[in-house]
Amino acid sequence: MLRAEEFRQLEDVKCCILYLRYLHGQCRELPIDFPRPIMAVLVNALAVRWELGPRGAGHGIEETADFCHELLDSDISIESLAPPILSFVGVVDARLQASFEGKYPSEKVIRAT
């Protein structure tokens, strides 16, 4: 994710998201030692994906809202919780200012922010 955040290349972010989705699915079955909560990193990656361009990512913001709800319901510390949630809020705010390209966000997205 560090490379994706630093260089902000869409393909890097997409690969990162695929890997994090895989890890998220695996951590439900067996514990994975990861320096930060996987869901938190995944929310960050999805927010970066949205920042780089919403085209084709309409489902992504709904999925990100779902992960935010999971994060809020988890036992993750506030220190680990705040950055991904704030990242998502920033993306939603930017999209609201751009009127979601003529559409308003779903109730799920609004509740997550």
N, C-alpha and C. Protein backbone atom coordinates (compact mmCIF):
# COMPACT_ATOMS: atom_id res chain seq x y z
N MET A 1 0.82 -1.19 0.00
CA MET A 1 0.00 0.00 0.00
C MET A 1 0.86 1.25 0.00
N LEU A 2 2.04 1.17 0.57
CA LEU A 2 2.92 2.34 0.61
C LEU A 2 3.26 2.81 -0.80
N ARG A 3 3.57 1.85 -1.66
CA ARG A 3 3.88 2.20 -3.05
C ARG A 3 2.67 2.85 -3.73
N ALA A 4 1.50 2.28 -3.51
CA ALA A 4 0.27 2.81 -4.11
C ALA A 4 0.00 4.23 -3.61
N GLU A 5 0.19 4.46 -2.31
CA GLU A 5 -0.03 5.80 -1.77
C GLU A 5 1.01 6.80 -2.27
N GLU A 6 2.26 6.35 -2.37
CA GLU A 6 3.33 7.27 -2.78
C GLU A 6 3.24 7.64 -4.26
N PHE A 7 3.09 6.66 -5.13
CA PHE A 7 3.12 6.92 -6.57
C PHE A 7 1.74 7.17 -7.16
N ARG A 8 0.70 6.74 -6.45
CA ARG A 8 -0.68 7.00 -6.84
C ARG A 8 -0.97 6.56 -8.28
N GLN A 9 -0.52 5.36 -8.59
CA GLN A 9 -0.80 4.76 -9.89
C GLN A 9 -2.00 3.82 -9.74
N LEU A 10 -2.98 3.99 -10.59
CA LEU A 10 -4.22 3.24 -10.49
C LEU A 10 -3.98 1.73 -10.47
N GLU A 11 -3.10 1.23 -11.31
CA GLU A 11 -2.85 -0.22 -11.36
C GLU A 11 -2.25 -0.73 -10.06
N ASP A 12 -1.36 0.04 -9.43
CA ASP A 12 -0.80 -0.35 -8.13
C ASP A 12 -1.91 -0.45 -7.08
N VAL A 13 -2.80 0.53 -7.09
CA VAL A 13 -3.89 0.56 -6.12
C VAL A 13 -4.82 -0.62 -6.35
N LYS A 14 -5.13 -0.92 -7.60
CA LYS A 14 -6.01 -2.05 -7.90
C LYS A 14 -5.41 -3.37 -7.41
N CYS A 15 -4.12 -3.57 -7.65
CA CYS A 15 -3.44 -4.79 -7.18
C CYS A 15 -3.47 -4.87 -5.66
N CYS A 16 -3.23 -3.75 -5.03
CA CYS A 16 -3.25 -3.69 -3.58
C CYS A 16 -4.63 -4.06 -3.04
N ILE A 17 -5.67 -3.53 -3.65
CA ILE A 17 -7.04 -3.82 -3.22
C ILE A 17 -7.35 -5.31 -3.38
N LEU A 18 -6.96 -5.90 -4.49
CA LEU A 18 -7.18 -7.34 -4.68
C LEU A 18 -6.50 -8.16 -3.59
N TYR A 19 -5.26 -7.82 -3.29
CA TYR A 19 -4.50 -8.54 -2.26
C TYR A 19 -5.15 -8.35 -0.89
N LEU A 20 -5.56 -7.13 -0.58
CA LEU A 20 -6.17 -6.86 0.72
C LEU A 20 -7.53 -7.54 0.87
N ARG A 21 -8.29 -7.61 -0.21
CA ARG A 21 -9.56 -8.34 -0.17
C ARG A 21 -9.31 -9.82 0.13
N TYR A 22 -8.28 -10.36 -0.52
CA TYR A 22 -7.91 -11.75 -0.28
C TYR A 22 -7.52 -11.95 1.19
N LEU A 23 -6.65 -11.09 1.72
CA LEU A 23 -6.23 -11.20 3.11
C LEU A 23 -7.41 -11.04 4.07
N HIS A 24 -8.31 -10.13 3.74
CA HIS A 24 -9.48 -9.92 4.59
C HIS A 24 -10.31 -11.21 4.67
N GLY A 25 -10.48 -11.88 3.54
CA GLY A 25 -11.20 -13.15 3.53
C GLY A 25 -10.46 -14.24 4.30
N GLN A 26 -9.14 -14.26 4.19
CA GLN A 26 -8.33 -15.27 4.86
C GLN A 26 -8.29 -15.06 6.37
N CYS A 27 -8.28 -13.80 6.81
CA CYS A 27 -8.13 -13.56 8.25
C CYS A 27 -9.36 -14.00 9.03
N ARG A 28 -10.47 -14.23 8.34
CA ARG A 28 -11.66 -14.77 9.01
C ARG A 28 -11.46 -16.24 9.35
N GLU A 29 -10.61 -16.91 8.57
CA GLU A 29 -10.38 -18.33 8.78
C GLU A 29 -9.19 -18.61 9.69
N LEU A 30 -8.13 -17.82 9.57
CA LEU A 30 -6.96 -18.00 10.41
C LEU A 30 -6.30 -16.65 10.68
N PRO A 31 -5.68 -16.51 11.85
CA PRO A 31 -5.08 -15.22 12.18
C PRO A 31 -3.91 -14.89 11.26
N ILE A 32 -3.84 -13.64 10.85
CA ILE A 32 -2.76 -13.15 10.00
C ILE A 32 -2.07 -12.02 10.73
N ASP A 33 -0.75 -12.11 10.84
CA ASP A 33 0.01 -11.07 11.50
C ASP A 33 0.29 -9.96 10.49
N PHE A 34 -0.34 -8.83 10.67
CA PHE A 34 -0.23 -7.69 9.75
C PHE A 34 -0.01 -6.46 10.62
N PRO A 35 0.89 -5.54 10.22
CA PRO A 35 1.21 -4.40 11.10
C PRO A 35 0.02 -3.49 11.42
N ARG A 36 -0.93 -3.37 10.52
CA ARG A 36 -2.13 -2.57 10.76
C ARG A 36 -3.34 -3.45 10.47
N PRO A 37 -4.50 -3.12 11.04
CA PRO A 37 -5.69 -3.92 10.73
C PRO A 37 -5.96 -3.93 9.23
N ILE A 38 -6.18 -5.11 8.68
CA ILE A 38 -6.37 -5.28 7.23
C ILE A 38 -7.54 -4.46 6.72
N MET A 39 -8.65 -4.46 7.46
CA MET A 39 -9.81 -3.68 7.02
C MET A 39 -9.48 -2.19 6.93
N ALA A 40 -8.67 -1.70 7.87
CA ALA A 40 -8.29 -0.29 7.86
C ALA A 40 -7.47 0.04 6.62
N VAL A 41 -6.53 -0.82 6.28
CA VAL A 41 -5.70 -0.60 5.10
C VAL A 41 -6.55 -0.71 3.84
N LEU A 42 -7.49 -1.64 3.84
CA LEU A 42 -8.38 -1.81 2.69
C LEU A 42 -9.25 -0.58 2.47
N VAL A 43 -9.80 -0.02 3.54
CA VAL A 43 -10.60 1.21 3.42
C VAL A 43 -9.74 2.33 2.85
N ASN A 44 -8.51 2.45 3.34
CA ASN A 44 -7.58 3.46 2.81
C ASN A 44 -7.34 3.26 1.33
N ALA A 45 -7.09 2.01 0.93
CA ALA A 45 -6.82 1.71 -0.48
C ALA A 45 -8.02 2.04 -1.35
N LEU A 46 -9.21 1.70 -0.88
CA LEU A 46 -10.42 2.00 -1.65
C LEU A 46 -10.63 3.52 -1.75
N ALA A 47 -10.30 4.25 -0.70
CA ALA A 47 -10.41 5.71 -0.75
C ALA A 47 -9.42 6.29 -1.78
N VAL A 48 -8.20 5.76 -1.80
CA VAL A 48 -7.22 6.22 -2.80
C VAL A 48 -7.73 5.90 -4.20
N ARG A 49 -8.34 4.72 -4.36
CA ARG A 49 -8.91 4.34 -5.66
C ARG A 49 -9.94 5.38 -6.11
N TRP A 50 -10.77 5.81 -5.18
CA TRP A 50 -11.78 6.82 -5.50
C TRP A 50 -11.15 8.16 -5.83
N GLU A 51 -10.09 8.51 -5.12
CA GLU A 51 -9.41 9.79 -5.39
C GLU A 51 -8.81 9.80 -6.79
N LEU A 52 -8.34 8.64 -7.24
CA LEU A 52 -7.70 8.56 -8.55
C LEU A 52 -8.70 8.58 -9.69
N GLY A 53 -9.95 8.33 -9.40
CA GLY A 53 -10.97 8.39 -10.44
C GLY A 53 -12.13 7.48 -10.13
N PRO A 54 -13.31 8.03 -10.09
CA PRO A 54 -14.47 7.23 -9.73
C PRO A 54 -15.01 6.35 -10.85
N ARG A 55 -14.57 6.58 -12.07
CA ARG A 55 -15.13 5.83 -13.19
C ARG A 55 -14.93 4.33 -12.96
N GLY A 56 -16.02 3.60 -13.02
CA GLY A 56 -15.96 2.16 -12.82
C GLY A 56 -15.84 1.74 -11.37
N ALA A 57 -15.91 2.69 -10.45
CA ALA A 57 -15.76 2.36 -9.03
C ALA A 57 -17.03 2.61 -8.24
N GLY A 58 -18.17 2.69 -8.92
CA GLY A 58 -19.43 2.97 -8.24
C GLY A 58 -19.74 2.00 -7.13
N HIS A 59 -19.46 0.74 -7.39
CA HIS A 59 -19.67 -0.28 -6.36
C HIS A 59 -18.67 -0.08 -5.22
N GLY A 60 -17.51 0.47 -5.53
CA GLY A 60 -16.43 0.63 -4.55
C GLY A 60 -16.80 1.48 -3.37
N ILE A 61 -17.55 2.54 -3.59
CA ILE A 61 -17.89 3.41 -2.47
C ILE A 61 -18.88 2.72 -1.54
N GLU A 62 -19.78 1.91 -2.09
CA GLU A 62 -20.71 1.14 -1.26
C GLU A 62 -19.93 0.09 -0.46
N GLU A 63 -19.00 -0.58 -1.12
CA GLU A 63 -18.17 -1.57 -0.45
C GLU A 63 -17.35 -0.91 0.66
N THR A 64 -16.82 0.26 0.39
CA THR A 64 -16.04 0.98 1.39
C THR A 64 -16.91 1.34 2.59
N ALA A 65 -18.14 1.75 2.34
CA ALA A 65 -19.07 2.04 3.44
C ALA A 65 -19.29 0.78 4.28
N ASP A 66 -19.42 -0.38 3.64
CA ASP A 66 -19.58 -1.64 4.38
C ASP A 66 -18.37 -1.90 5.27
N PHE A 67 -17.17 -1.71 4.73
CA PHE A 67 -15.96 -1.93 5.51
C PHE A 67 -15.86 -0.92 6.66
N CYS A 68 -16.30 0.30 6.43
CA CYS A 68 -16.30 1.30 7.51
C CYS A 68 -17.22 0.86 8.64
N HIS A 69 -18.38 0.33 8.28
CA HIS A 69 -19.29 -0.18 9.32
C HIS A 69 -18.65 -1.34 10.08
N GLU A 70 -17.96 -2.23 9.36
CA GLU A 70 -17.25 -3.33 10.02
C GLU A 70 -16.20 -2.79 10.97
N LEU A 71 -15.45 -1.79 10.52
CA LEU A 71 -14.42 -1.19 11.36
C LEU A 71 -15.02 -0.58 12.63
N LEU A 72 -16.11 0.16 12.45
CA LEU A 72 -16.74 0.81 13.59
C LEU A 72 -17.30 -0.21 14.58
N ASP A 73 -17.71 -1.38 14.10
CA ASP A 73 -18.24 -2.42 14.97
C ASP A 73 -17.16 -3.32 15.55
N SER A 74 -15.92 -3.14 15.13
CA SER A 74 -14.83 -4.02 15.58
C SER A 74 -14.22 -3.48 16.87
N ASP A 75 -13.24 -4.22 17.37
CA ASP A 75 -12.54 -3.80 18.59
C ASP A 75 -11.21 -3.10 18.27
N ILE A 76 -11.11 -2.55 17.07
CA ILE A 76 -9.90 -1.85 16.64
C ILE A 76 -9.78 -0.54 17.42
N SER A 77 -8.55 -0.20 17.80
CA SER A 77 -8.32 1.02 18.58
C SER A 77 -8.67 2.27 17.78
N ILE A 78 -8.97 3.34 18.49
CA ILE A 78 -9.30 4.62 17.87
C ILE A 78 -8.14 5.10 16.99
N GLU A 79 -6.91 4.88 17.44
CA GLU A 79 -5.73 5.30 16.66
C GLU A 79 -5.68 4.62 15.30
N SER A 80 -6.09 3.36 15.25
CA SER A 80 -6.10 2.63 13.98
C SER A 80 -7.36 2.90 13.18
N LEU A 81 -8.41 3.29 13.86
CA LEU A 81 -9.71 3.50 13.22
C LEU A 81 -9.82 4.86 12.52
N ALA A 82 -9.27 5.87 13.14
CA ALA A 82 -9.45 7.24 12.63
C ALA A 82 -8.92 7.47 11.21
N PRO A 83 -7.68 7.09 10.87
CA PRO A 83 -7.19 7.41 9.52
C PRO A 83 -8.02 6.86 8.36
N PRO A 84 -8.43 5.58 8.38
CA PRO A 84 -9.23 5.11 7.25
C PRO A 84 -10.61 5.76 7.18
N ILE A 85 -11.23 5.98 8.33
CA ILE A 85 -12.55 6.61 8.34
C ILE A 85 -12.45 8.04 7.81
N LEU A 86 -11.43 8.77 8.26
CA LEU A 86 -11.25 10.15 7.78
C LEU A 86 -10.93 10.18 6.29
N SER A 87 -10.19 9.20 5.82
CA SER A 87 -9.89 9.10 4.39
C SER A 87 -11.17 8.90 3.59
N PHE A 88 -12.03 8.02 4.06
CA PHE A 88 -13.31 7.77 3.40
C PHE A 88 -14.20 9.01 3.44
N VAL A 89 -14.25 9.67 4.59
CA VAL A 89 -15.05 10.89 4.72
C VAL A 89 -14.57 11.94 3.72
N GLY A 90 -13.25 12.06 3.55
CA GLY A 90 -12.70 13.02 2.59
C GLY A 90 -13.16 12.74 1.17
N VAL A 91 -13.17 11.47 0.80
CA VAL A 91 -13.61 11.09 -0.54
C VAL A 91 -15.09 11.38 -0.72
N VAL A 92 -15.90 11.02 0.26
CA VAL A 92 -17.33 11.27 0.16
C VAL A 92 -17.59 12.77 0.09
N ASP A 93 -16.88 13.54 0.90
CA ASP A 93 -17.04 15.00 0.87
C ASP A 93 -16.70 15.56 -0.51
N ALA A 94 -15.59 15.10 -1.08
CA ALA A 94 -15.20 15.57 -2.41
C ALA A 94 -16.26 15.20 -3.45
N ARG A 95 -16.81 14.00 -3.34
CA ARG A 95 -17.84 13.58 -4.29
C ARG A 95 -19.14 14.35 -4.10
N LEU A 96 -19.47 14.67 -2.84
CA LEU A 96 -20.67 15.47 -2.59
C LEU A 96 -20.53 16.85 -3.21
N GLN A 97 -19.34 17.42 -3.10
CA GLN A 97 -19.11 18.73 -3.70
C GLN A 97 -19.19 18.67 -5.21
N ALA A 98 -18.86 17.52 -5.77
CA ALA A 98 -18.98 17.33 -7.22
C ALA A 98 -20.35 16.75 -7.56
N SER A 99 -21.26 16.71 -6.59
CA SER A 99 -22.63 16.21 -6.74
C SER A 99 -22.70 14.77 -7.20
N PHE A 100 -21.69 13.97 -6.87
CA PHE A 100 -21.68 12.56 -7.26
C PHE A 100 -22.08 12.41 -8.72
N GLU A 101 -21.59 13.33 -9.54
CA GLU A 101 -21.87 13.33 -10.97
C GLU A 101 -23.38 13.29 -11.22
N GLY A 102 -24.12 14.12 -10.48
CA GLY A 102 -25.56 14.20 -10.67
C GLY A 102 -26.35 13.27 -9.77
N LYS A 103 -25.67 12.39 -9.02
CA LYS A 103 -26.34 11.45 -8.15
C LYS A 103 -25.95 11.76 -6.70
N TYR A 104 -26.82 11.41 -5.80
CA TYR A 104 -26.51 11.57 -4.38
C TYR A 104 -26.11 10.22 -3.82
N PRO A 105 -25.25 10.21 -2.79
CA PRO A 105 -24.82 8.93 -2.23
C PRO A 105 -25.97 8.20 -1.55
N SER A 106 -25.79 6.91 -1.42
CA SER A 106 -26.82 6.09 -0.77
C SER A 106 -26.88 6.39 0.72
N GLU A 107 -27.93 5.94 1.35
CA GLU A 107 -28.09 6.09 2.79
C GLU A 107 -26.95 5.39 3.53
N LYS A 108 -26.51 4.25 3.01
CA LYS A 108 -25.42 3.51 3.63
C LYS A 108 -24.15 4.34 3.68
N VAL A 109 -23.84 5.02 2.58
CA VAL A 109 -22.64 5.87 2.52
C VAL A 109 -22.78 7.05 3.47
N ILE A 110 -23.94 7.65 3.52
CA ILE A 110 -24.15 8.79 4.39
C ILE A 110 -24.02 8.38 5.85
N ARG A 111 -24.56 7.20 6.22
CA ARG A 111 -24.45 6.73 7.61
C ARG A 111 -23.00 6.43 7.98
N ALA A 112 -22.20 5.93 7.03
CA ALA A 112 -20.81 5.58 7.31
C ALA A 112 -19.96 6.82 7.52
N THR A 113 -20.38 7.93 6.99
CA THR A 113 -19.59 9.14 7.15
C THR A 113 -20.13 9.93 8.29
